[in-house]
Amino acid sequence: MFVCQLTQQTKHRHLFKTIVNLDLKEHRDIGLRTKDKKSSLGRKKIEKKEEQEEEEEEEEEEEEEEEEEEEEEEEEEEEEQQQQQQQQQQQQQQQQQQE
């Protein structure tokens, strides 16, 4: 009878250990799943930030290009004005010479 009790106790311990091990495995799996979810969320956040930064850089580049174009247009206008002034001066000089 004592031997039977010992064997039953060892069986119970063995069963208990296997149950505990299975529970631990489940907890680990659940933990890994939540870590994966967290890391995927983290990746998504990082990707969103990178996309926003890229968009901001593109916008800045476009603004710089627009500014450069405006500056070029202004320079062209100034050159045209100078040419017109020179032409007017030449015409005035010619008129004066004719008089």
N, C-alpha and C. Protein backbone atom coordinates (compact mmCIF):
# COMPACT_ATOMS: atom_id res chain seq x y z
N MET A 1 0.82 -1.19 0.00
CA MET A 1 0.00 0.00 0.00
C MET A 1 0.87 1.26 0.00
N PHE A 2 1.92 1.23 0.75
CA PHE A 2 2.82 2.36 0.77
C PHE A 2 3.46 2.58 -0.61
N VAL A 3 3.80 1.52 -1.25
CA VAL A 3 4.40 1.58 -2.58
C VAL A 3 3.39 2.16 -3.58
N CYS A 4 2.15 1.76 -3.46
CA CYS A 4 1.11 2.28 -4.35
C CYS A 4 0.95 3.79 -4.17
N GLN A 5 1.00 4.22 -2.94
CA GLN A 5 0.87 5.65 -2.69
C GLN A 5 2.03 6.42 -3.30
N LEU A 6 3.25 5.87 -3.17
CA LEU A 6 4.41 6.52 -3.76
C LEU A 6 4.29 6.61 -5.27
N THR A 7 3.88 5.54 -5.88
CA THR A 7 3.76 5.55 -7.35
C THR A 7 2.68 6.53 -7.79
N GLN A 8 1.59 6.57 -7.02
CA GLN A 8 0.53 7.52 -7.37
C GLN A 8 1.02 8.96 -7.20
N GLN A 9 1.76 9.17 -6.13
CA GLN A 9 2.30 10.51 -5.91
C GLN A 9 3.26 10.91 -7.03
N THR A 10 4.09 9.99 -7.44
CA THR A 10 5.04 10.31 -8.52
C THR A 10 4.28 10.55 -9.83
N LYS A 11 3.22 9.78 -10.05
CA LYS A 11 2.41 10.01 -11.25
C LYS A 11 1.77 11.39 -11.20
N HIS A 12 1.25 11.74 -10.02
CA HIS A 12 0.63 13.05 -9.87
C HIS A 12 1.66 14.17 -10.08
N ARG A 13 2.84 13.97 -9.53
CA ARG A 13 3.90 14.97 -9.71
C ARG A 13 4.26 15.10 -11.18
N HIS A 14 4.39 13.95 -11.82
CA HIS A 14 4.75 13.97 -13.22
C HIS A 14 3.66 14.70 -14.04
N LEU A 15 2.41 14.36 -13.75
CA LEU A 15 1.31 15.02 -14.43
C LEU A 15 1.30 16.52 -14.14
N PHE A 16 1.53 16.86 -12.87
CA PHE A 16 1.55 18.26 -12.48
C PHE A 16 2.66 19.01 -13.22
N LYS A 17 3.85 18.36 -13.28
CA LYS A 17 4.96 19.00 -13.98
C LYS A 17 4.64 19.20 -15.46
N THR A 18 4.03 18.20 -16.08
CA THR A 18 3.71 18.36 -17.50
C THR A 18 2.67 19.45 -17.70
N ILE A 19 1.69 19.51 -16.80
CA ILE A 19 0.69 20.56 -16.92
C ILE A 19 1.32 21.94 -16.74
N VAL A 20 2.20 22.07 -15.77
CA VAL A 20 2.88 23.33 -15.53
C VAL A 20 3.73 23.70 -16.74
N ASN A 21 4.43 22.71 -17.28
CA ASN A 21 5.27 22.99 -18.45
C ASN A 21 4.42 23.43 -19.64
N LEU A 22 3.28 22.79 -19.83
CA LEU A 22 2.40 23.18 -20.93
C LEU A 22 1.88 24.61 -20.73
N ASP A 23 1.52 24.90 -19.48
CA ASP A 23 1.06 26.26 -19.19
C ASP A 23 2.16 27.28 -19.47
N LEU A 24 3.37 26.95 -19.06
CA LEU A 24 4.48 27.86 -19.30
C LEU A 24 4.71 28.06 -20.80
N LYS A 25 4.60 26.96 -21.55
CA LYS A 25 4.77 27.08 -23.01
C LYS A 25 3.69 27.99 -23.60
N GLU A 26 2.46 27.81 -23.12
CA GLU A 26 1.38 28.66 -23.62
C GLU A 26 1.65 30.13 -23.28
N HIS A 27 2.10 30.36 -22.05
CA HIS A 27 2.39 31.73 -21.66
C HIS A 27 3.51 32.31 -22.53
N ARG A 28 4.52 31.49 -22.80
CA ARG A 28 5.61 31.96 -23.66
C ARG A 28 5.09 32.27 -25.05
N ASP A 29 4.25 31.36 -25.58
CA ASP A 29 3.70 31.60 -26.91
C ASP A 29 2.87 32.87 -26.94
N ILE A 30 2.05 33.03 -25.92
CA ILE A 30 1.23 34.24 -25.85
C ILE A 30 2.13 35.46 -25.74
N GLY A 31 3.16 35.35 -24.93
CA GLY A 31 4.10 36.46 -24.78
C GLY A 31 4.79 36.77 -26.09
N LEU A 32 5.19 35.74 -26.81
CA LEU A 32 5.83 35.96 -28.11
C LEU A 32 4.86 36.61 -29.09
N ARG A 33 3.61 36.17 -29.04
CA ARG A 33 2.62 36.76 -29.95
C ARG A 33 2.43 38.25 -29.64
N THR A 34 2.33 38.55 -28.35
CA THR A 34 2.14 39.97 -28.00
C THR A 34 3.39 40.77 -28.36
N LYS A 35 4.57 40.15 -28.19
CA LYS A 35 5.79 40.85 -28.59
C LYS A 35 5.78 41.10 -30.08
N ASP A 36 5.35 40.09 -30.85
CA ASP A 36 5.28 40.27 -32.29
C ASP A 36 4.31 41.39 -32.65
N LYS A 37 3.17 41.41 -31.95
CA LYS A 37 2.20 42.47 -32.23
C LYS A 37 2.79 43.82 -31.89
N LYS A 38 3.46 43.88 -30.73
CA LYS A 38 4.06 45.14 -30.32
C LYS A 38 5.14 45.57 -31.30
N SER A 39 5.96 44.60 -31.71
CA SER A 39 7.04 44.95 -32.63
C SER A 39 6.47 45.33 -33.99
N SER A 40 5.39 44.68 -34.41
CA SER A 40 4.79 45.07 -35.69
C SER A 40 4.17 46.46 -35.57
N LEU A 41 3.59 46.76 -34.42
CA LEU A 41 3.06 48.11 -34.21
C LEU A 41 4.19 49.12 -34.21
N GLY A 42 5.28 48.74 -33.57
CA GLY A 42 6.45 49.62 -33.55
C GLY A 42 6.98 49.84 -34.96
N ARG A 43 7.02 48.75 -35.75
CA ARG A 43 7.48 48.88 -37.13
C ARG A 43 6.56 49.80 -37.92
N LYS A 44 5.26 49.63 -37.69
CA LYS A 44 4.30 50.48 -38.41
C LYS A 44 4.50 51.94 -38.05
N LYS A 45 4.72 52.21 -36.76
CA LYS A 45 4.94 53.59 -36.34
C LYS A 45 6.20 54.15 -36.99
N ILE A 46 7.25 53.34 -37.00
CA ILE A 46 8.50 53.78 -37.61
C ILE A 46 8.30 54.04 -39.09
N GLU A 47 7.58 53.14 -39.76
CA GLU A 47 7.33 53.33 -41.19
C GLU A 47 6.53 54.61 -41.44
N LYS A 48 5.53 54.85 -40.58
CA LYS A 48 4.74 56.08 -40.74
C LYS A 48 5.62 57.31 -40.57
N LYS A 49 6.50 57.28 -39.56
CA LYS A 49 7.39 58.41 -39.34
C LYS A 49 8.30 58.62 -40.54
N GLU A 50 8.84 57.50 -41.07
CA GLU A 50 9.72 57.62 -42.24
C GLU A 50 8.97 58.20 -43.43
N GLU A 51 7.73 57.75 -43.64
CA GLU A 51 6.94 58.27 -44.74
C GLU A 51 6.68 59.77 -44.56
N GLN A 52 6.35 60.17 -43.34
CA GLN A 52 6.11 61.58 -43.08
C GLN A 52 7.37 62.40 -43.34
N GLU A 53 8.52 61.87 -42.91
CA GLU A 53 9.77 62.59 -43.13
C GLU A 53 10.06 62.72 -44.62
N GLU A 54 9.82 61.63 -45.37
CA GLU A 54 10.04 61.69 -46.82
C GLU A 54 9.12 62.72 -47.47
N GLU A 55 7.86 62.73 -47.06
CA GLU A 55 6.92 63.70 -47.61
C GLU A 55 7.36 65.12 -47.29
N GLU A 56 7.80 65.34 -46.07
CA GLU A 56 8.26 66.68 -45.68
C GLU A 56 9.47 67.09 -46.52
N GLU A 57 10.39 66.14 -46.73
CA GLU A 57 11.57 66.45 -47.54
C GLU A 57 11.17 66.79 -48.96
N GLU A 58 10.23 66.02 -49.51
CA GLU A 58 9.76 66.30 -50.87
C GLU A 58 9.12 67.68 -50.95
N GLU A 59 8.31 68.01 -49.96
CA GLU A 59 7.67 69.32 -49.94
C GLU A 59 8.72 70.43 -49.86
N GLU A 60 9.72 70.24 -49.04
CA GLU A 60 10.78 71.24 -48.91
C GLU A 60 11.51 71.41 -50.24
N GLU A 61 11.79 70.28 -50.91
CA GLU A 61 12.48 70.35 -52.19
C GLU A 61 11.62 71.10 -53.21
N GLU A 62 10.32 70.81 -53.22
CA GLU A 62 9.43 71.50 -54.14
C GLU A 62 9.40 73.00 -53.86
N GLU A 63 9.35 73.35 -52.59
CA GLU A 63 9.35 74.77 -52.22
C GLU A 63 10.64 75.45 -52.67
N GLU A 64 11.77 74.76 -52.48
CA GLU A 64 13.05 75.32 -52.90
C GLU A 64 13.07 75.52 -54.41
N GLU A 65 12.56 74.53 -55.14
CA GLU A 65 12.52 74.65 -56.60
C GLU A 65 11.65 75.84 -57.02
N GLU A 66 10.52 75.98 -56.37
CA GLU A 66 9.63 77.10 -56.68
C GLU A 66 10.32 78.43 -56.41
N GLU A 67 11.01 78.50 -55.29
CA GLU A 67 11.71 79.74 -54.95
C GLU A 67 12.78 80.05 -55.99
N GLU A 68 13.51 79.01 -56.42
CA GLU A 68 14.54 79.21 -57.43
C GLU A 68 13.93 79.70 -58.73
N GLU A 69 12.80 79.11 -59.11
CA GLU A 69 12.13 79.54 -60.33
C GLU A 69 11.68 80.99 -60.23
N GLU A 70 11.14 81.35 -59.08
CA GLU A 70 10.71 82.74 -58.87
C GLU A 70 11.90 83.70 -58.97
N GLU A 71 13.01 83.31 -58.37
CA GLU A 71 14.21 84.15 -58.43
C GLU A 71 14.68 84.31 -59.87
N GLU A 72 14.66 83.21 -60.63
CA GLU A 72 15.06 83.28 -62.03
C GLU A 72 14.14 84.21 -62.82
N GLU A 73 12.86 84.09 -62.57
CA GLU A 73 11.89 84.96 -63.25
C GLU A 73 12.15 86.42 -62.92
N GLU A 74 12.41 86.69 -61.66
CA GLU A 74 12.69 88.07 -61.24
C GLU A 74 13.94 88.59 -61.93
N GLU A 75 14.97 87.75 -62.00
CA GLU A 75 16.21 88.16 -62.65
C GLU A 75 15.95 88.45 -64.13
N GLU A 76 15.16 87.60 -64.77
CA GLU A 76 14.84 87.81 -66.18
C GLU A 76 14.09 89.12 -66.37
N GLU A 77 13.14 89.38 -65.48
CA GLU A 77 12.39 90.63 -65.56
C GLU A 77 13.31 91.83 -65.40
N GLU A 78 14.23 91.74 -64.45
CA GLU A 78 15.18 92.84 -64.24
C GLU A 78 16.03 93.06 -65.48
N GLU A 79 16.49 91.96 -66.08
CA GLU A 79 17.29 92.08 -67.29
C GLU A 79 16.48 92.74 -68.40
N GLU A 80 15.25 92.34 -68.54
CA GLU A 80 14.39 92.94 -69.56
C GLU A 80 14.21 94.44 -69.32
N GLN A 81 13.99 94.78 -68.07
CA GLN A 81 13.84 96.20 -67.73
C GLN A 81 15.11 96.98 -68.06
N GLN A 82 16.24 96.39 -67.74
CA GLN A 82 17.51 97.05 -68.04
C GLN A 82 17.68 97.24 -69.55
N GLN A 83 17.33 96.22 -70.30
CA GLN A 83 17.44 96.31 -71.75
C GLN A 83 16.51 97.40 -72.29
N GLN A 84 15.33 97.45 -71.76
CA GLN A 84 14.38 98.49 -72.18
C GLN A 84 14.92 99.88 -71.87
N GLN A 85 15.48 100.01 -70.68
CA GLN A 85 16.05 101.30 -70.30
C GLN A 85 17.19 101.68 -71.23
N GLN A 86 18.02 100.70 -71.55
CA GLN A 86 19.14 100.97 -72.46
C GLN A 86 18.62 101.39 -73.83
N GLN A 87 17.60 100.70 -74.28
CA GLN A 87 17.02 101.04 -75.58
C GLN A 87 16.44 102.45 -75.55
N GLN A 88 15.77 102.79 -74.50
CA GLN A 88 15.20 104.13 -74.37
C GLN A 88 16.31 105.19 -74.37
N GLN A 89 17.36 104.88 -73.64
CA GLN A 89 18.48 105.83 -73.58
C GLN A 89 19.10 106.00 -74.98
N GLN A 90 19.24 104.90 -75.68
CA GLN A 90 19.81 104.98 -77.02
C GLN A 90 18.90 105.80 -77.94
N GLN A 91 17.62 105.57 -77.81
CA GLN A 91 16.68 106.32 -78.63
C GLN A 91 16.76 107.81 -78.31
N GLN A 92 16.85 108.12 -77.04
CA GLN A 92 16.96 109.53 -76.64
C GLN A 92 18.24 110.14 -77.19
N GLN A 93 19.30 109.38 -77.12
CA GLN A 93 20.57 109.89 -77.64
C GLN A 93 20.48 110.14 -79.15
N GLN A 94 19.84 109.22 -79.82
CA GLN A 94 19.69 109.36 -81.27
C GLN A 94 18.84 110.60 -81.60
N GLN A 95 17.81 110.80 -80.83
CA GLN A 95 16.95 111.96 -81.05
C GLN A 95 17.72 113.25 -80.82
N GLN A 96 18.51 113.23 -79.77
CA GLN A 96 19.30 114.41 -79.46
C GLN A 96 20.32 114.69 -80.57
N GLN A 97 20.89 113.63 -81.08
CA GLN A 97 21.87 113.80 -82.14
C GLN A 97 21.19 114.33 -83.41
N GLN A 98 20.02 113.88 -83.64
CA GLN A 98 19.30 114.32 -84.84
C GLN A 98 18.92 115.79 -84.73
N GLU A 99 18.63 116.21 -83.55
CA GLU A 99 18.22 117.61 -83.36
C GLU A 99 19.42 118.47 -83.54
